[in-house]
Structures are given as structure tokens and as C-alpha cells.
Amino acid sequence: MIFLWHLYWPAIAAALVIGIVTGRYAYRRPDPDAPNPRRNRSLGFGLLAMLAAVVLWHWPLGAVARYASEVEAGARAELKHQEMISVQARLERGPLRRSLLLSGAADDFQRSELVRIMGSVPGVSSAHWTSPPLGRSRWIPLIAEVAMLALIPFALGLLLSCLNEIRRRSNAEWSW
């Protein structure tokens, strides 16, 4: 989690700001007794803007390339430390997941221990060998993981805007 925060804090911060701005538009209405037809539309546009910010930071702005290079460099360093230079480690791609694929020559004991050791590399959720070939991974893609993570600050921004609007409405009756 800390590793993802290191790379994705701008996307998380953007989700919080988008949530606050969306909440300002969604919860603000001139007449407190009138229904607010803009609320659902504002929340939908805000959610789309938050997802767009996460996708932009993930792919075109290069967070995914930085993530993959840092994790694979850490895995190579760990393999070198374990003196297993005949083993290669790469992230599962298509779409990118936090699962590390190991390949190369190793006996059964080395395979089981390398899976355990490589699973503890920062940024890796699991490790497994490519032979025998396994089916689809059970781990969700990294972009979906980060988008679900960004929903928390987005909801926090909406909550802060809602509380601010409630405070504004309760103080509107006072004319000092």
C-alpha cells in the first residue's frame, strides 16, 4: 500500500479535489426547499472526471512505467542477492497486475522459497512461476485497484462539501 501511495498520491489528491468541487456543485441549491435536478448529473460528471484523472496519471503520464520499472528492479536486486541469476522476474502484463511472474532454472525448494521471498518485494501482491503455465491471474488489474482506492478520497471530498453546505444553510438564518 505504501508503494502505491508513493506513485499514486497525485491521482489520490486529484480525486479529493474533484470530490470537493463536485460536492460544491451537487449540494448547492439556491432554494433549500426546491429539489435539486443537477445532483445526479454533477455526481456522474465528477465520478467520470475522477476516473479520467486516475487513468491519465496511470498511463499517459507514466505512473505505470515507473511502477513496473521500480518493482522489476527491486525483484532483480533480490534475485541477485539470493544468487539466483538464472531466474528472471517480470510483472504480469496485459493488463498490468501486481503479480510477479518468475521463470528460469530452479529446483522445487528454490521455487517455493523464491515465491515466498518475491511476494515480499515492495509493490508485489503475489509471485508465481510461469511453468507450468497458469490460467488467468486472480488479481485485479492495477488500474482498477487504483480507481477503487481513489473512490475513498472522492467520497471524502463529497462528504466535506456536504458538511460545508449544511453548515452554510444553518448559518444562513443568522443575520448578525
Protein backbone atom coordinates (compact mmCIF):
# COMPACT_ATOMS: atom_id res chain seq x y z
CA MET A 1 0.00 0.00 0.00
CA ILE A 2 2.81 2.42 0.85
CA PHE A 3 4.41 1.64 -2.50
CA LEU A 4 1.21 2.54 -4.35
CA TRP A 5 0.91 5.75 -2.31
CA HIS A 6 4.45 6.67 -3.39
CA LEU A 7 3.43 6.57 -7.06
CA TYR A 8 -0.25 7.45 -6.99
CA TRP A 9 -0.56 10.27 -4.45
CA PRO A 10 -1.22 12.86 -7.20
CA ALA A 11 -4.14 10.80 -8.51
CA ILE A 12 -5.47 10.39 -4.95
CA ALA A 13 -5.12 14.12 -4.28
CA ALA A 14 -6.86 14.89 -7.58
CA ALA A 15 -9.72 12.58 -6.56
CA LEU A 16 -10.12 14.50 -3.30
CA VAL A 17 -10.15 17.88 -5.07
CA ILE A 18 -12.58 16.62 -7.72
CA GLY A 19 -14.81 15.26 -4.94
CA ILE A 20 -14.84 18.64 -3.17
CA VAL A 21 -15.62 20.56 -6.38
CA THR A 22 -18.28 18.04 -7.40
CA GLY A 23 -19.88 18.27 -3.98
CA ARG A 24 -19.96 22.06 -4.17
CA TYR A 25 -21.97 21.87 -7.39
CA ALA A 26 -24.09 18.89 -6.40
CA TYR A 27 -25.20 20.09 -2.97
CA ARG A 28 -25.52 23.82 -3.61
CA ARG A 29 -29.02 24.99 -4.45
CA PRO A 30 -30.48 28.47 -4.25
CA ASP A 31 -33.78 27.45 -2.67
CA PRO A 32 -33.41 24.86 0.12
CA ASP A 33 -37.00 23.65 -0.35
CA ALA A 34 -36.72 23.04 -4.11
CA PRO A 35 -35.47 19.70 -5.49
CA ASN A 36 -32.01 19.64 -6.98
CA PRO A 37 -32.11 18.11 -10.50
CA ARG A 38 -28.40 18.81 -11.01
CA ARG A 39 -27.23 16.49 -8.23
CA ASN A 40 -27.14 13.19 -10.11
CA ARG A 41 -25.66 14.78 -13.21
CA SER A 42 -22.99 16.57 -11.15
CA LEU A 43 -22.10 13.40 -9.27
CA GLY A 44 -21.87 11.45 -12.53
CA PHE A 45 -19.62 14.05 -14.16
CA GLY A 46 -17.49 14.21 -11.03
CA LEU A 47 -17.07 10.44 -10.96
CA LEU A 48 -16.11 10.45 -14.64
CA ALA A 49 -13.62 13.27 -14.03
CA MET A 50 -12.09 11.35 -11.12
CA LEU A 51 -11.74 8.20 -13.24
CA ALA A 52 -10.25 10.26 -16.09
CA ALA A 53 -7.68 11.76 -13.71
CA VAL A 54 -6.71 8.30 -12.44
CA VAL A 55 -6.41 6.90 -15.98
CA LEU A 56 -4.37 9.91 -17.16
CA TRP A 57 -1.98 9.60 -14.24
CA HIS A 58 -1.77 5.83 -14.63
CA TRP A 59 -1.00 5.56 -18.30
CA PRO A 60 -0.12 8.70 -20.35
CA LEU A 61 1.68 10.49 -17.51
CA GLY A 62 3.82 7.44 -16.80
CA ALA A 63 2.96 6.14 -13.32
CA VAL A 64 2.56 2.61 -14.67
CA ALA A 65 6.00 2.68 -16.30
CA ARG A 66 7.60 3.98 -13.10
CA TYR A 67 5.79 1.32 -11.08
CA ALA A 68 6.84 -1.52 -13.37
CA SER A 69 10.47 -0.40 -13.56
CA GLU A 70 10.78 0.06 -9.78
CA VAL A 71 9.18 -3.29 -8.96
CA GLU A 72 11.17 -5.22 -11.57
CA ALA A 73 14.42 -3.53 -10.46
CA GLY A 74 13.67 -4.48 -6.86
CA ALA A 75 12.94 -8.06 -7.93
CA ARG A 76 16.19 -8.24 -9.93
CA ALA A 77 18.13 -6.90 -6.93
CA GLU A 78 16.53 -9.51 -4.66
CA LEU A 79 17.33 -12.29 -7.15
CA LYS A 80 20.93 -11.07 -7.33
CA HIS A 81 21.10 -11.00 -3.52
CA GLN A 82 19.79 -14.58 -3.43
CA GLU A 83 22.38 -15.53 -6.10
CA MET A 84 19.67 -16.74 -8.46
CA ILE A 85 20.85 -15.02 -11.63
CA SER A 86 19.38 -17.77 -13.83
CA VAL A 87 15.85 -16.76 -12.73
CA GLN A 88 14.02 -13.83 -14.33
CA ALA A 89 11.19 -11.86 -12.74
CA ARG A 90 8.70 -9.63 -14.53
CA LEU A 91 5.30 -8.20 -13.71
CA GLU A 92 2.22 -9.79 -15.18
CA ARG A 93 1.11 -7.55 -18.03
CA GLY A 94 -1.88 -7.28 -20.30
CA PRO A 95 -3.31 -5.60 -18.18
CA LEU A 96 -0.64 -4.83 -15.60
CA ARG A 97 -1.18 -6.54 -12.26
CA ARG A 98 0.80 -6.57 -9.03
CA SER A 99 1.65 -10.22 -9.65
CA LEU A 100 5.25 -11.21 -10.34
CA LEU A 101 5.99 -13.95 -12.88
CA LEU A 102 9.14 -15.99 -12.25
CA SER A 103 10.87 -18.11 -14.89
CA GLY A 104 14.16 -19.93 -15.14
CA ALA A 105 16.02 -22.90 -13.75
CA ALA A 106 15.38 -23.76 -10.10
CA ASP A 107 14.62 -26.88 -8.08
CA ASP A 108 11.43 -27.41 -6.08
CA PHE A 109 12.79 -25.95 -2.84
CA GLN A 110 14.16 -22.87 -4.60
CA ARG A 111 10.85 -22.38 -6.41
CA SER A 112 8.79 -22.43 -3.23
CA GLU A 113 11.19 -20.15 -1.36
CA LEU A 114 11.51 -17.70 -4.25
CA VAL A 115 7.73 -17.41 -4.43
CA ARG A 116 7.68 -16.53 -0.73
CA ILE A 117 10.62 -14.12 -0.95
CA MET A 118 9.46 -12.38 -4.13
CA GLY A 119 5.97 -11.98 -2.71
CA SER A 120 7.50 -9.70 -0.07
CA VAL A 121 9.13 -7.33 -2.58
CA PRO A 122 7.53 -3.87 -2.20
CA GLY A 123 4.74 -3.38 -4.73
CA VAL A 124 4.14 -7.11 -5.33
CA SER A 125 0.99 -8.81 -4.11
CA SER A 126 1.91 -12.34 -5.22
CA ALA A 127 4.53 -14.26 -7.15
CA HIS A 128 4.23 -17.47 -9.14
CA TRP A 129 6.14 -19.47 -11.70
CA THR A 130 5.25 -19.37 -15.39
CA SER A 131 5.86 -23.11 -15.78
CA PRO A 132 3.60 -24.96 -15.64
CA PRO A 133 1.54 -22.28 -17.38
CA LEU A 134 -1.24 -20.99 -15.21
CA GLY A 135 -4.59 -19.58 -16.30
CA ARG A 136 -5.69 -16.03 -15.77
CA SER A 137 -4.48 -14.43 -12.58
CA ARG A 138 -6.96 -13.93 -9.81
CA TRP A 139 -5.59 -10.48 -9.03
CA ILE A 140 -7.37 -7.44 -10.41
CA PRO A 141 -5.55 -5.07 -12.76
CA LEU A 142 -3.58 -2.27 -11.17
CA ILE A 143 -5.70 0.45 -12.82
CA ALA A 144 -8.85 -1.00 -11.24
CA GLU A 145 -7.11 -1.24 -7.89
CA VAL A 146 -6.07 2.43 -8.01
CA ALA A 147 -9.51 3.54 -9.25
CA MET A 148 -11.16 1.78 -6.29
CA LEU A 149 -8.60 3.37 -3.99
CA ALA A 150 -9.41 6.81 -5.46
CA LEU A 151 -13.10 6.36 -4.63
CA ILE A 152 -12.27 6.83 -0.93
CA PRO A 153 -10.88 10.40 -1.22
CA PHE A 154 -13.57 11.23 -3.79
CA ALA A 155 -16.25 10.23 -1.26
CA LEU A 156 -14.38 12.14 1.45
CA GLY A 157 -14.43 15.26 -0.74
CA LEU A 158 -18.18 14.83 -1.30
CA LEU A 159 -18.69 14.45 2.45
CA LEU A 160 -16.68 17.59 3.20
CA SER A 161 -18.70 19.56 0.64
CA CYS A 162 -21.96 18.24 2.06
CA LEU A 163 -20.96 19.19 5.60
CA ASN A 164 -19.89 22.63 4.41
CA GLU A 165 -23.24 23.15 2.68
CA ILE A 166 -25.14 22.03 5.80
CA ARG A 167 -23.11 24.50 7.87
CA ARG A 168 -23.77 27.26 5.33
CA ARG A 169 -27.53 26.59 5.38
CA SER A 170 -27.72 26.50 9.17
CA ASN A 171 -25.82 29.77 9.45
CA ALA A 172 -27.90 31.46 6.72
CA GLU A 173 -30.72 32.22 9.14
CA TRP A 174 -28.47 34.28 11.35
CA SER A 175 -28.01 37.92 10.43
CA TRP A 176 -25.66 39.45 12.89
